[in-house]
N, C-alpha and C. Protein backbone atom coordinates (compact mmCIF):
# COMPACT_ATOMS: atom_id res chain seq x y z
N MET A 1 0.79 -1.40 0.19
CA MET A 1 0.08 0.25 -0.13
C MET A 1 0.97 1.69 -0.12
N ILE A 2 0.39 2.12 -0.85
CA ILE A 2 1.47 3.96 -0.71
C ILE A 2 1.02 4.24 0.23
N LEU A 3 1.89 5.19 0.87
CA LEU A 3 1.25 6.17 1.74
C LEU A 3 1.31 7.30 1.16
N PHE A 4 0.55 8.21 1.11
CA PHE A 4 0.33 9.50 0.50
C PHE A 4 0.77 10.82 1.69
N ILE A 5 0.97 11.46 2.07
CA ILE A 5 1.43 12.16 3.18
C ILE A 5 0.98 13.77 2.40
N GLU A 6 0.14 14.58 3.06
CA GLU A 6 -0.25 15.76 2.14
C GLU A 6 -0.97 16.86 3.75
N TYR A 7 -0.93 18.01 3.11
CA TYR A 7 -1.51 19.13 4.13
C TYR A 7 -2.56 19.30 2.87
N PRO A 8 -4.17 18.84 3.68
CA PRO A 8 -5.44 19.23 2.93
C PRO A 8 -5.25 20.36 2.07
N LYS A 9 -4.73 21.89 2.80
CA LYS A 9 -5.48 22.61 2.58
C LYS A 9 -4.14 23.32 0.98
N CYS A 10 -3.49 22.66 0.87
CA CYS A 10 -2.27 22.58 0.06
C CYS A 10 -3.12 22.24 -1.19
N SER A 11 -2.83 23.16 -2.51
CA SER A 11 -3.59 23.24 -3.32
C SER A 11 -2.41 22.20 -4.34
N THR A 12 -1.30 22.15 -4.48
CA THR A 12 -0.63 21.21 -4.81
C THR A 12 -1.09 19.79 -4.09
N CYS A 13 -1.17 19.23 -2.96
CA CYS A 13 -1.52 18.05 -2.47
C CYS A 13 -3.14 17.94 -3.03
N GLN A 14 -3.59 18.81 -3.22
CA GLN A 14 -5.28 18.58 -3.94
C GLN A 14 -4.97 18.01 -4.97
N LYS A 15 -3.97 18.54 -5.99
CA LYS A 15 -4.13 18.26 -7.12
C LYS A 15 -3.27 16.98 -7.25
N ALA A 16 -2.71 16.31 -6.52
CA ALA A 16 -1.83 15.24 -6.36
C ALA A 16 -2.97 14.39 -6.09
N LYS A 17 -3.91 14.55 -5.17
CA LYS A 17 -4.79 13.31 -4.49
C LYS A 17 -5.80 12.83 -5.75
N LYS A 18 -5.99 14.22 -6.56
CA LYS A 18 -6.97 13.85 -7.36
C LYS A 18 -6.07 12.64 -8.72
N TRP A 19 -4.95 13.01 -8.66
CA TRP A 19 -4.33 12.26 -9.84
C TRP A 19 -4.15 10.65 -9.12
N LEU A 20 -4.08 10.81 -8.03
CA LEU A 20 -3.90 9.48 -7.64
C LEU A 20 -5.27 8.74 -7.63
N VAL A 21 -6.34 9.55 -7.11
CA VAL A 21 -7.57 9.00 -7.32
C VAL A 21 -8.08 8.68 -9.17
N SER A 22 -7.72 9.56 -9.71
CA SER A 22 -7.98 9.40 -11.36
C SER A 22 -7.54 7.88 -12.02
N HIS A 23 -6.18 8.15 -11.80
CA HIS A 23 -5.16 6.29 -12.17
C HIS A 23 -5.25 5.13 -11.04
N LYS A 24 -6.54 5.27 -10.32
CA LYS A 24 -6.96 4.61 -9.71
C LYS A 24 -6.13 3.74 -8.36
N VAL A 25 -5.11 4.96 -7.61
CA VAL A 25 -3.76 4.32 -7.45
C VAL A 25 -4.66 4.03 -5.74
N ASP A 26 -4.61 2.67 -5.18
CA ASP A 26 -4.67 2.55 -3.55
C ASP A 26 -3.80 3.55 -2.82
N PHE A 27 -4.42 3.97 -1.68
CA PHE A 27 -3.41 4.73 -1.04
C PHE A 27 -3.67 4.90 0.42
N ILE A 28 -2.94 5.13 1.31
CA ILE A 28 -3.30 5.47 2.56
C ILE A 28 -2.72 6.95 3.23
N ASP A 29 -4.11 7.94 3.43
CA ASP A 29 -4.00 9.23 3.50
C ASP A 29 -3.18 9.85 5.39
N ARG A 30 -2.14 10.52 5.06
CA ARG A 30 -2.05 11.25 6.13
C ARG A 30 -1.45 12.59 6.45
N HIS A 31 -2.23 12.88 7.05
CA HIS A 31 -2.12 14.60 7.17
C HIS A 31 -1.01 15.04 7.78
N ILE A 32 -0.05 15.83 7.48
CA ILE A 32 1.22 16.13 7.65
C ILE A 32 1.62 17.09 8.78
N ALA A 33 0.14 17.55 9.24
CA ALA A 33 0.46 18.11 10.11
C ALA A 33 -0.08 17.70 11.93
N ASP A 34 -0.89 17.03 11.46
CA ASP A 34 -1.77 16.33 12.36
C ASP A 34 -0.67 14.92 13.14
N ASN A 35 -0.09 14.44 11.95
CA ASN A 35 0.51 13.26 11.87
C ASN A 35 2.10 13.38 11.58
N ASN A 36 2.99 14.19 12.17
CA ASN A 36 4.20 14.52 11.47
C ASN A 36 5.41 13.57 11.48
N PRO A 37 6.00 13.41 10.36
CA PRO A 37 6.65 11.84 9.93
C PRO A 37 7.91 12.05 11.61
N LYS A 38 8.44 10.81 11.63
CA LYS A 38 9.25 10.86 12.89
C LYS A 38 10.57 10.87 11.96
N LYS A 39 11.40 11.22 13.06
CA LYS A 39 12.91 11.15 12.77
C LYS A 39 13.29 9.96 12.04
N ASP A 40 12.85 8.54 12.62
CA ASP A 40 13.21 7.64 12.22
C ASP A 40 12.66 7.43 10.67
N GLU A 41 11.69 7.55 10.51
CA GLU A 41 10.94 7.76 9.25
C GLU A 41 11.48 8.43 7.99
N LEU A 42 11.82 9.76 8.43
CA LEU A 42 12.40 10.58 7.81
C LEU A 42 13.68 10.11 7.13
N THR A 43 14.56 9.33 8.31
CA THR A 43 15.85 8.82 7.72
C THR A 43 15.66 7.92 6.50
N ASP A 44 14.67 7.14 6.97
CA ASP A 44 14.94 5.83 6.31
C ASP A 44 14.27 6.50 4.59
N TRP A 45 12.89 7.40 4.36
CA TRP A 45 12.80 7.61 3.24
C TRP A 45 13.87 8.68 2.66
N ILE A 46 14.40 9.32 3.61
CA ILE A 46 15.35 9.88 2.69
C ILE A 46 16.68 9.22 2.17
N GLY A 47 16.90 8.17 3.15
CA GLY A 47 18.21 7.00 2.52
C GLY A 47 17.69 6.60 1.26
N ARG A 48 16.37 6.04 1.47
CA ARG A 48 15.40 4.95 0.26
C ARG A 48 15.59 5.99 -0.95
N SER A 49 15.16 7.27 -1.22
CA SER A 49 14.68 8.31 -2.10
C SER A 49 16.35 8.64 -2.74
N GLY A 50 17.76 8.31 -2.31
CA GLY A 50 18.74 8.93 -2.72
C GLY A 50 18.81 10.76 -3.13
N LEU A 51 17.82 11.00 -2.44
CA LEU A 51 17.55 12.55 -2.63
C LEU A 51 18.38 12.79 -1.34
N PRO A 52 19.26 14.23 -1.62
CA PRO A 52 19.62 14.89 -0.50
C PRO A 52 18.87 15.55 0.72
N VAL A 53 18.83 16.03 1.75
CA VAL A 53 17.75 15.94 2.71
C VAL A 53 17.18 17.36 2.65
N LYS A 54 17.93 18.51 2.39
CA LYS A 54 17.40 20.01 1.58
C LYS A 54 16.06 19.62 0.86
N LYS A 55 16.02 18.25 -0.14
CA LYS A 55 14.73 18.15 -1.35
C LYS A 55 13.25 17.89 -0.58
N PHE A 56 13.99 17.68 0.96
CA PHE A 56 12.50 17.05 1.56
C PHE A 56 12.10 18.45 2.87
N PHE A 57 12.87 19.51 2.25
CA PHE A 57 12.33 20.95 3.07
C PHE A 57 11.25 21.69 2.08
N ASN A 58 10.16 22.11 2.97
CA ASN A 58 9.38 23.41 2.31
C ASN A 58 9.75 24.21 2.27
N THR A 59 10.81 24.56 1.42
CA THR A 59 11.52 25.78 1.23
C THR A 59 10.37 27.02 0.89
N SER A 60 9.60 26.68 0.58
CA SER A 60 8.59 28.38 0.09
C SER A 60 7.50 28.41 1.46
N GLY A 61 7.77 27.49 2.20
CA GLY A 61 7.19 27.58 3.94
C GLY A 61 7.14 28.85 4.16
N MET A 62 6.13 29.23 5.24
CA MET A 62 6.41 30.30 5.89
C MET A 62 7.39 29.83 7.69
N LYS A 63 7.33 29.01 8.11
CA LYS A 63 8.15 27.97 9.16
C LYS A 63 9.80 28.10 8.68
N TYR A 64 10.03 27.93 7.49
CA TYR A 64 11.27 27.21 6.88
C TYR A 64 11.88 28.95 6.63
N LYS A 65 10.95 29.65 6.13
CA LYS A 65 11.77 31.19 5.87
C LYS A 65 11.69 32.08 7.30
N GLU A 66 10.55 31.57 8.43
CA GLU A 66 10.62 32.26 9.49
C GLU A 66 12.03 31.83 10.89
N LEU A 67 12.44 30.45 10.11
CA LEU A 67 13.90 29.82 11.00
C LEU A 67 14.69 30.68 10.34
N GLY A 68 14.76 30.79 9.30
CA GLY A 68 16.01 31.40 8.90
C GLY A 68 17.04 29.99 8.19
N LEU A 69 16.31 29.17 7.16
CA LEU A 69 16.78 27.57 7.67
C LEU A 69 17.91 27.76 5.89
N LYS A 70 17.24 28.29 5.01
CA LYS A 70 17.71 29.16 3.67
C LYS A 70 19.72 28.92 4.31
N ASP A 71 19.94 30.14 5.49
CA ASP A 71 20.84 30.23 5.50
C ASP A 71 22.13 29.26 6.56
N LYS A 72 21.25 28.28 7.23
CA LYS A 72 21.05 27.58 8.20
C LYS A 72 21.89 26.21 8.06
N LEU A 73 21.12 25.66 6.89
CA LEU A 73 21.20 24.68 6.43
C LEU A 73 21.95 23.73 6.43
N ALA A 74 23.34 24.83 5.30
CA ALA A 74 24.88 24.44 5.20
C ALA A 74 25.26 24.06 5.92
N GLY A 75 25.34 24.55 7.10
CA GLY A 75 26.14 24.53 8.32
C GLY A 75 25.60 23.07 9.31
N MET A 76 24.84 22.92 9.18
CA MET A 76 23.92 21.77 9.75
C MET A 76 24.76 20.38 9.06
N THR A 77 25.17 18.88 10.14
CA THR A 77 24.95 17.75 9.68
C THR A 77 23.78 17.19 9.26
N GLU A 78 23.53 16.26 8.51
CA GLU A 78 22.18 15.37 7.85
C GLU A 78 21.52 15.15 8.78
N GLU A 79 22.03 14.58 9.85
CA GLU A 79 20.76 13.79 11.17
C GLU A 79 20.60 15.26 11.86
N GLU A 80 21.17 16.61 11.79
CA GLU A 80 20.45 17.48 12.65
C GLU A 80 19.16 18.34 11.66
N GLN A 81 19.53 18.40 10.34
CA GLN A 81 18.80 18.62 9.36
C GLN A 81 17.29 17.82 9.26
N ILE A 82 17.34 16.30 9.45
CA ILE A 82 16.38 15.71 9.97
C ILE A 82 15.88 15.63 10.96
N SER A 83 16.60 16.32 12.17
CA SER A 83 15.70 16.76 13.40
C SER A 83 14.80 17.65 13.34
N ILE A 84 15.57 18.63 12.54
CA ILE A 84 14.52 19.68 12.34
C ILE A 84 13.27 19.31 11.83
N LEU A 85 13.38 18.57 10.77
CA LEU A 85 12.15 17.93 9.83
C LEU A 85 11.33 17.64 10.84
N ALA A 86 11.65 16.79 11.30
CA ALA A 86 10.73 15.47 12.73
C ALA A 86 9.99 16.82 13.66
N GLU A 87 10.67 18.01 13.82
CA GLU A 87 10.08 19.42 14.49
C GLU A 87 8.19 19.77 14.40
N ASP A 88 8.35 19.76 12.76
CA ASP A 88 7.51 20.37 12.56
C ASP A 88 6.89 20.10 11.03
N GLY A 89 5.88 19.17 10.68
CA GLY A 89 5.33 18.73 9.58
C GLY A 89 5.40 19.92 8.72
N MET A 90 5.31 20.96 9.04
CA MET A 90 4.98 22.19 7.95
C MET A 90 6.41 22.56 7.53
N LEU A 91 7.19 21.94 7.98
CA LEU A 91 8.63 21.92 7.36
C LEU A 91 9.04 21.46 6.06
N VAL A 92 8.19 20.51 5.95
CA VAL A 92 8.37 18.74 5.06
C VAL A 92 7.53 19.36 3.66
N LYS A 93 8.24 19.13 2.74
CA LYS A 93 7.91 19.15 1.50
C LYS A 93 6.84 18.41 0.58
N ARG A 94 5.88 18.56 0.55
CA ARG A 94 4.34 17.99 0.36
C ARG A 94 3.59 17.81 -0.98
N PRO A 95 3.43 16.87 -1.27
CA PRO A 95 3.05 15.97 -0.81
C PRO A 95 4.43 15.03 -0.65
N LEU A 96 4.19 14.05 -0.14
CA LEU A 96 4.99 12.73 0.26
C LEU A 96 4.37 11.54 -0.49
N ILE A 97 5.06 10.55 -1.25
CA ILE A 97 4.21 9.87 -1.63
C ILE A 97 5.36 8.06 -1.36
N ILE A 98 5.24 7.41 -0.82
CA ILE A 98 6.05 6.48 -0.34
C ILE A 98 5.51 5.40 -0.13
N GLY A 99 6.29 4.18 -1.19
CA GLY A 99 5.84 3.16 -1.81
C GLY A 99 6.81 1.98 -1.49
N ASP A 100 6.85 0.78 -1.49
CA ASP A 100 7.77 -0.13 -1.00
C ASP A 100 9.23 0.33 -1.57
N ASP A 101 9.08 0.26 -2.81
CA ASP A 101 10.33 0.77 -3.84
C ASP A 101 10.32 2.37 -4.71
N PHE A 102 9.87 3.08 -4.14
CA PHE A 102 10.15 4.43 -4.30
C PHE A 102 9.35 5.13 -3.30
N ILE A 103 10.19 7.11 -3.49
CA ILE A 103 9.72 7.65 -2.85
C ILE A 103 9.84 9.04 -3.56
N LEU A 104 8.46 9.73 -3.59
CA LEU A 104 8.43 10.68 -4.46
C LEU A 104 8.03 12.00 -3.82
N VAL A 105 8.97 13.24 -4.12
CA VAL A 105 8.38 14.18 -2.89
C VAL A 105 8.23 15.59 -3.93
N GLY A 106 6.93 16.11 -3.44
CA GLY A 106 6.35 17.14 -4.49
C GLY A 106 5.60 16.40 -5.39
N PHE A 107 4.98 17.46 -6.35
CA PHE A 107 4.14 16.52 -7.05
C PHE A 107 4.60 17.16 -8.76
N LYS A 108 4.99 16.28 -9.47
CA LYS A 108 5.50 16.68 -10.63
C LYS A 108 4.55 15.68 -11.36
N GLU A 109 3.77 15.70 -12.35
CA GLU A 109 3.03 15.10 -12.84
C GLU A 109 3.76 14.02 -13.98
N LYS A 110 4.30 14.41 -14.69
CA LYS A 110 5.25 13.53 -15.40
C LYS A 110 6.29 12.76 -14.73
N GLU A 111 6.90 13.30 -13.67
CA GLU A 111 7.75 12.11 -12.93
C GLU A 111 6.56 11.19 -12.27
N TRP A 112 5.76 11.79 -11.60
CA TRP A 112 4.91 10.34 -11.27
C TRP A 112 4.38 9.60 -12.17
N GLU A 113 3.95 9.78 -13.30
CA GLU A 113 3.59 9.11 -14.42
C GLU A 113 4.41 8.37 -14.72
N GLU A 114 6.26 8.70 -14.83
CA GLU A 114 7.26 7.70 -15.07
C GLU A 114 7.39 6.96 -13.95
N SER A 115 7.01 7.03 -12.67
CA SER A 115 7.53 6.57 -11.32
C SER A 115 6.63 4.83 -11.49
N LYS A 116 7.22 4.21 -10.25
CA LYS A 116 6.73 2.74 -10.32
C LYS A 116 5.44 2.57 -9.58
N ILE A 117 5.32 3.88 -9.38
CA ILE A 117 3.50 3.74 -8.60
C ILE A 117 2.45 3.75 -9.54
N LEU A 118 2.59 3.91 -10.88
CA LEU A 118 1.66 2.93 -11.39
C LEU A 118 1.65 1.74 -11.66
N ALA A 119 2.85 1.02 -11.57
CA ALA A 119 3.32 -0.60 -11.86
C ALA A 119 2.26 -1.34 -10.97
């Protein structure tokens, strides 16, 4: 089963959810603010994704800007960055799609269509 992590008020998440439904993809829905990803989950997902931690940050979010993370992340270890992500779901880029053999961060329709999500 695929895990779909979203913030329901996010228009990108709404588009992504419609895409999943229209492609008849079964998924479990998880509200990112009510059920923030834990440090061990983020560590696993980041490792399996092959992406740098920075790709998991919601860089356009108010919280990211409020904390001045643009200037601080470069001086932090990967573990410190993951700890910050685990503190507040609003810092995490969304939607996140977690499958057994893939992780998708954000919604790019072409990327999703070419991924294993439809396999």
